[in-house]
Amino acid sequence: MKLGREAEGLDFAPWPGELGRRVFEQVSKPAWAEWLAHQTMLINENRLNPLDPKTRTFLAGEMEKYFFGGGAEKPAGYVPE
């Protein structure tokens, strides 16, 4: 549980495959919103193209770490505004 509390679940699997199923079953709407902000930061800071298959593979790995691993780290050199 990413937020440490009960919250409303997602309406649909937000990602294809097994990872999407796990996210749908175990991640809440507020936790997903936090991931989307983190994902946006990763895309912007690393200048990634979301349509590139390599980027999607990278983001899937980061999502796995974010929700089910030890947590995803911020990009090197990231300075919040």
N, C-alpha and C. Protein backbone atom coordinates (compact mmCIF):
# COMPACT_ATOMS: atom_id res chain seq x y z
N MET A 1 0.85 -1.17 0.00
CA MET A 1 0.00 0.00 0.00
C MET A 1 0.89 1.23 0.00
N LYS A 2 0.91 1.97 -1.07
CA LYS A 2 1.81 3.11 -1.24
C LYS A 2 1.50 4.24 -0.27
N LEU A 3 0.23 4.54 -0.05
CA LEU A 3 -0.14 5.68 0.79
C LEU A 3 -0.22 5.33 2.26
N GLY A 4 -0.28 4.06 2.59
CA GLY A 4 -0.39 3.65 3.98
C GLY A 4 -1.80 3.79 4.54
N ARG A 5 -2.79 3.92 3.66
CA ARG A 5 -4.19 4.03 4.10
C ARG A 5 -5.09 3.49 3.00
N GLU A 6 -6.32 3.21 3.36
CA GLU A 6 -7.31 2.77 2.38
C GLU A 6 -7.75 3.97 1.53
N ALA A 7 -7.95 3.75 0.25
CA ALA A 7 -8.41 4.80 -0.66
C ALA A 7 -9.14 4.14 -1.83
N GLU A 8 -9.86 4.96 -2.58
CA GLU A 8 -10.64 4.46 -3.72
C GLU A 8 -9.72 3.84 -4.77
N GLY A 9 -10.16 2.69 -5.29
CA GLY A 9 -9.38 1.99 -6.30
C GLY A 9 -9.56 2.57 -7.69
N LEU A 10 -8.74 2.12 -8.60
CA LEU A 10 -8.81 2.56 -9.99
C LEU A 10 -10.04 1.97 -10.68
N ASP A 11 -10.50 2.64 -11.72
CA ASP A 11 -11.67 2.19 -12.47
C ASP A 11 -11.32 1.15 -13.53
N PHE A 12 -10.07 1.13 -13.95
CA PHE A 12 -9.62 0.20 -15.00
C PHE A 12 -8.11 0.02 -14.88
N ALA A 13 -7.61 -1.01 -15.53
CA ALA A 13 -6.16 -1.25 -15.53
C ALA A 13 -5.49 -0.16 -16.37
N PRO A 14 -4.58 0.61 -15.78
CA PRO A 14 -4.00 1.75 -16.48
C PRO A 14 -2.80 1.40 -17.36
N TRP A 15 -2.41 0.15 -17.37
CA TRP A 15 -1.22 -0.29 -18.11
C TRP A 15 -1.52 -1.69 -18.61
N PRO A 16 -1.00 -2.07 -19.76
CA PRO A 16 -1.28 -3.42 -20.27
C PRO A 16 -0.55 -4.51 -19.50
N GLY A 17 -1.03 -5.72 -19.64
CA GLY A 17 -0.33 -6.89 -19.13
C GLY A 17 -0.44 -7.11 -17.63
N GLU A 18 0.47 -7.94 -17.14
CA GLU A 18 0.49 -8.33 -15.73
C GLU A 18 0.71 -7.13 -14.82
N LEU A 19 1.59 -6.22 -15.19
CA LEU A 19 1.84 -5.04 -14.36
C LEU A 19 0.56 -4.22 -14.22
N GLY A 20 -0.16 -4.04 -15.31
CA GLY A 20 -1.42 -3.30 -15.26
C GLY A 20 -2.44 -3.97 -14.36
N ARG A 21 -2.49 -5.30 -14.40
CA ARG A 21 -3.42 -6.03 -13.53
C ARG A 21 -3.05 -5.81 -12.07
N ARG A 22 -1.77 -5.91 -11.74
CA ARG A 22 -1.32 -5.70 -10.35
C ARG A 22 -1.62 -4.28 -9.88
N VAL A 23 -1.36 -3.31 -10.74
CA VAL A 23 -1.64 -1.91 -10.38
C VAL A 23 -3.14 -1.75 -10.14
N PHE A 24 -3.96 -2.27 -11.03
CA PHE A 24 -5.41 -2.16 -10.89
C PHE A 24 -5.89 -2.76 -9.58
N GLU A 25 -5.35 -3.91 -9.21
CA GLU A 25 -5.80 -4.61 -8.01
C GLU A 25 -5.25 -4.02 -6.72
N GLN A 26 -4.10 -3.36 -6.76
CA GLN A 26 -3.42 -2.98 -5.52
C GLN A 26 -3.16 -1.49 -5.34
N VAL A 27 -3.42 -0.67 -6.36
CA VAL A 27 -3.07 0.75 -6.28
C VAL A 27 -4.34 1.60 -6.29
N SER A 28 -4.36 2.62 -5.45
CA SER A 28 -5.52 3.51 -5.35
C SER A 28 -5.40 4.67 -6.34
N LYS A 29 -6.52 5.38 -6.51
CA LYS A 29 -6.51 6.56 -7.38
C LYS A 29 -5.51 7.61 -6.90
N PRO A 30 -5.47 7.94 -5.60
CA PRO A 30 -4.48 8.94 -5.16
C PRO A 30 -3.04 8.49 -5.39
N ALA A 31 -2.75 7.22 -5.16
CA ALA A 31 -1.38 6.72 -5.39
C ALA A 31 -1.06 6.75 -6.88
N TRP A 32 -2.03 6.45 -7.74
CA TRP A 32 -1.81 6.51 -9.18
C TRP A 32 -1.53 7.95 -9.61
N ALA A 33 -2.26 8.91 -9.04
CA ALA A 33 -2.02 10.32 -9.37
C ALA A 33 -0.60 10.73 -8.98
N GLU A 34 -0.11 10.24 -7.84
CA GLU A 34 1.27 10.53 -7.44
C GLU A 34 2.25 9.91 -8.44
N TRP A 35 1.97 8.69 -8.89
CA TRP A 35 2.84 8.07 -9.89
C TRP A 35 2.86 8.89 -11.18
N LEU A 36 1.69 9.36 -11.63
CA LEU A 36 1.64 10.14 -12.87
C LEU A 36 2.52 11.39 -12.77
N ALA A 37 2.52 12.03 -11.60
CA ALA A 37 3.39 13.20 -11.40
C ALA A 37 4.86 12.77 -11.47
N HIS A 38 5.19 11.64 -10.85
CA HIS A 38 6.56 11.13 -10.87
C HIS A 38 6.95 10.75 -12.30
N GLN A 39 6.06 10.09 -13.01
CA GLN A 39 6.32 9.69 -14.39
C GLN A 39 6.56 10.91 -15.27
N THR A 40 5.76 11.96 -15.08
CA THR A 40 5.94 13.19 -15.85
C THR A 40 7.32 13.79 -15.59
N MET A 41 7.74 13.77 -14.32
CA MET A 41 9.07 14.27 -13.97
C MET A 41 10.14 13.44 -14.69
N LEU A 42 10.00 12.11 -14.68
CA LEU A 42 10.97 11.25 -15.36
C LEU A 42 11.04 11.56 -16.85
N ILE A 43 9.89 11.72 -17.47
CA ILE A 43 9.85 12.01 -18.91
C ILE A 43 10.51 13.35 -19.20
N ASN A 44 10.17 14.36 -18.41
CA ASN A 44 10.72 15.70 -18.66
C ASN A 44 12.21 15.78 -18.35
N GLU A 45 12.61 15.30 -17.20
CA GLU A 45 14.01 15.43 -16.78
C GLU A 45 14.95 14.60 -17.66
N ASN A 46 14.47 13.47 -18.14
CA ASN A 46 15.30 12.61 -18.98
C ASN A 46 15.05 12.82 -20.47
N ARG A 47 14.16 13.77 -20.78
CA ARG A 47 13.81 14.10 -22.17
C ARG A 47 13.42 12.84 -22.96
N LEU A 48 12.48 12.12 -22.38
CA LEU A 48 12.03 10.85 -22.97
C LEU A 48 10.87 11.07 -23.92
N ASN A 49 10.75 10.21 -24.90
CA ASN A 49 9.63 10.20 -25.83
C ASN A 49 8.71 9.06 -25.41
N PRO A 50 7.51 9.37 -24.89
CA PRO A 50 6.60 8.32 -24.41
C PRO A 50 6.16 7.33 -25.49
N LEU A 51 6.32 7.68 -26.76
CA LEU A 51 5.94 6.77 -27.84
C LEU A 51 7.04 5.77 -28.18
N ASP A 52 8.24 6.00 -27.68
CA ASP A 52 9.38 5.11 -27.93
C ASP A 52 9.23 3.84 -27.09
N PRO A 53 9.31 2.67 -27.70
CA PRO A 53 9.19 1.41 -26.94
C PRO A 53 10.21 1.29 -25.81
N LYS A 54 11.41 1.83 -25.99
CA LYS A 54 12.43 1.79 -24.93
C LYS A 54 11.99 2.62 -23.73
N THR A 55 11.35 3.75 -24.00
CA THR A 55 10.84 4.59 -22.92
C THR A 55 9.74 3.86 -22.16
N ARG A 56 8.85 3.21 -22.87
CA ARG A 56 7.75 2.48 -22.22
C ARG A 56 8.30 1.35 -21.36
N THR A 57 9.34 0.68 -21.82
CA THR A 57 9.97 -0.37 -21.03
C THR A 57 10.60 0.23 -19.78
N PHE A 58 11.30 1.35 -19.93
CA PHE A 58 11.90 2.05 -18.80
C PHE A 58 10.83 2.46 -17.79
N LEU A 59 9.74 3.07 -18.27
CA LEU A 59 8.68 3.53 -17.37
C LEU A 59 8.00 2.36 -16.67
N ALA A 60 7.83 1.24 -17.35
CA ALA A 60 7.24 0.06 -16.71
C ALA A 60 8.14 -0.41 -15.57
N GLY A 61 9.44 -0.42 -15.79
CA GLY A 61 10.38 -0.81 -14.73
C GLY A 61 10.34 0.15 -13.56
N GLU A 62 10.26 1.44 -13.86
CA GLU A 62 10.18 2.44 -12.79
C GLU A 62 8.86 2.32 -12.02
N MET A 63 7.78 2.04 -12.75
CA MET A 63 6.47 1.86 -12.10
C MET A 63 6.51 0.66 -11.16
N GLU A 64 7.12 -0.42 -11.62
CA GLU A 64 7.27 -1.63 -10.79
C GLU A 64 8.01 -1.28 -9.50
N LYS A 65 9.12 -0.55 -9.62
CA LYS A 65 9.89 -0.15 -8.43
C LYS A 65 9.09 0.79 -7.55
N TYR A 66 8.39 1.73 -8.16
CA TYR A 66 7.63 2.75 -7.43
C TYR A 66 6.55 2.12 -6.55
N PHE A 67 5.80 1.18 -7.12
CA PHE A 67 4.68 0.60 -6.38
C PHE A 67 5.04 -0.67 -5.61
N PHE A 68 5.92 -1.49 -6.15
CA PHE A 68 6.11 -2.83 -5.59
C PHE A 68 7.54 -3.11 -5.14
N GLY A 69 8.45 -2.19 -5.39
CA GLY A 69 9.84 -2.37 -4.98
C GLY A 69 10.19 -1.41 -3.86
N GLY A 70 11.41 -1.02 -3.82
CA GLY A 70 11.88 -0.12 -2.78
C GLY A 70 11.58 1.34 -3.05
N GLY A 71 10.88 1.62 -4.13
CA GLY A 71 10.58 3.00 -4.48
C GLY A 71 11.50 3.47 -5.58
N ALA A 72 10.99 4.30 -6.45
CA ALA A 72 11.78 4.84 -7.56
C ALA A 72 12.48 6.11 -7.10
N GLU A 73 13.65 6.32 -7.64
CA GLU A 73 14.42 7.51 -7.28
C GLU A 73 14.18 8.61 -8.30
N LYS A 74 14.45 9.84 -7.87
CA LYS A 74 14.35 10.97 -8.77
C LYS A 74 15.54 10.95 -9.73
N PRO A 75 15.41 11.53 -10.91
CA PRO A 75 16.51 11.55 -11.87
C PRO A 75 17.73 12.28 -11.30
N ALA A 76 18.91 11.87 -11.72
CA ALA A 76 20.15 12.52 -11.28
C ALA A 76 20.11 13.99 -11.67
N GLY A 77 20.46 14.84 -10.74
CA GLY A 77 20.50 16.27 -11.00
C GLY A 77 19.16 16.96 -10.89
N TYR A 78 18.10 16.24 -10.50
CA TYR A 78 16.77 16.85 -10.39
C TYR A 78 16.75 17.86 -9.25
N VAL A 79 16.29 19.07 -9.56
CA VAL A 79 16.14 20.12 -8.55
C VAL A 79 14.70 20.61 -8.64
N PRO A 80 13.90 20.39 -7.58
CA PRO A 80 12.51 20.85 -7.63
C PRO A 80 12.44 22.38 -7.70
N GLU A 81 11.42 22.86 -8.38
CA GLU A 81 11.25 24.32 -8.50
C GLU A 81 10.69 24.90 -7.24
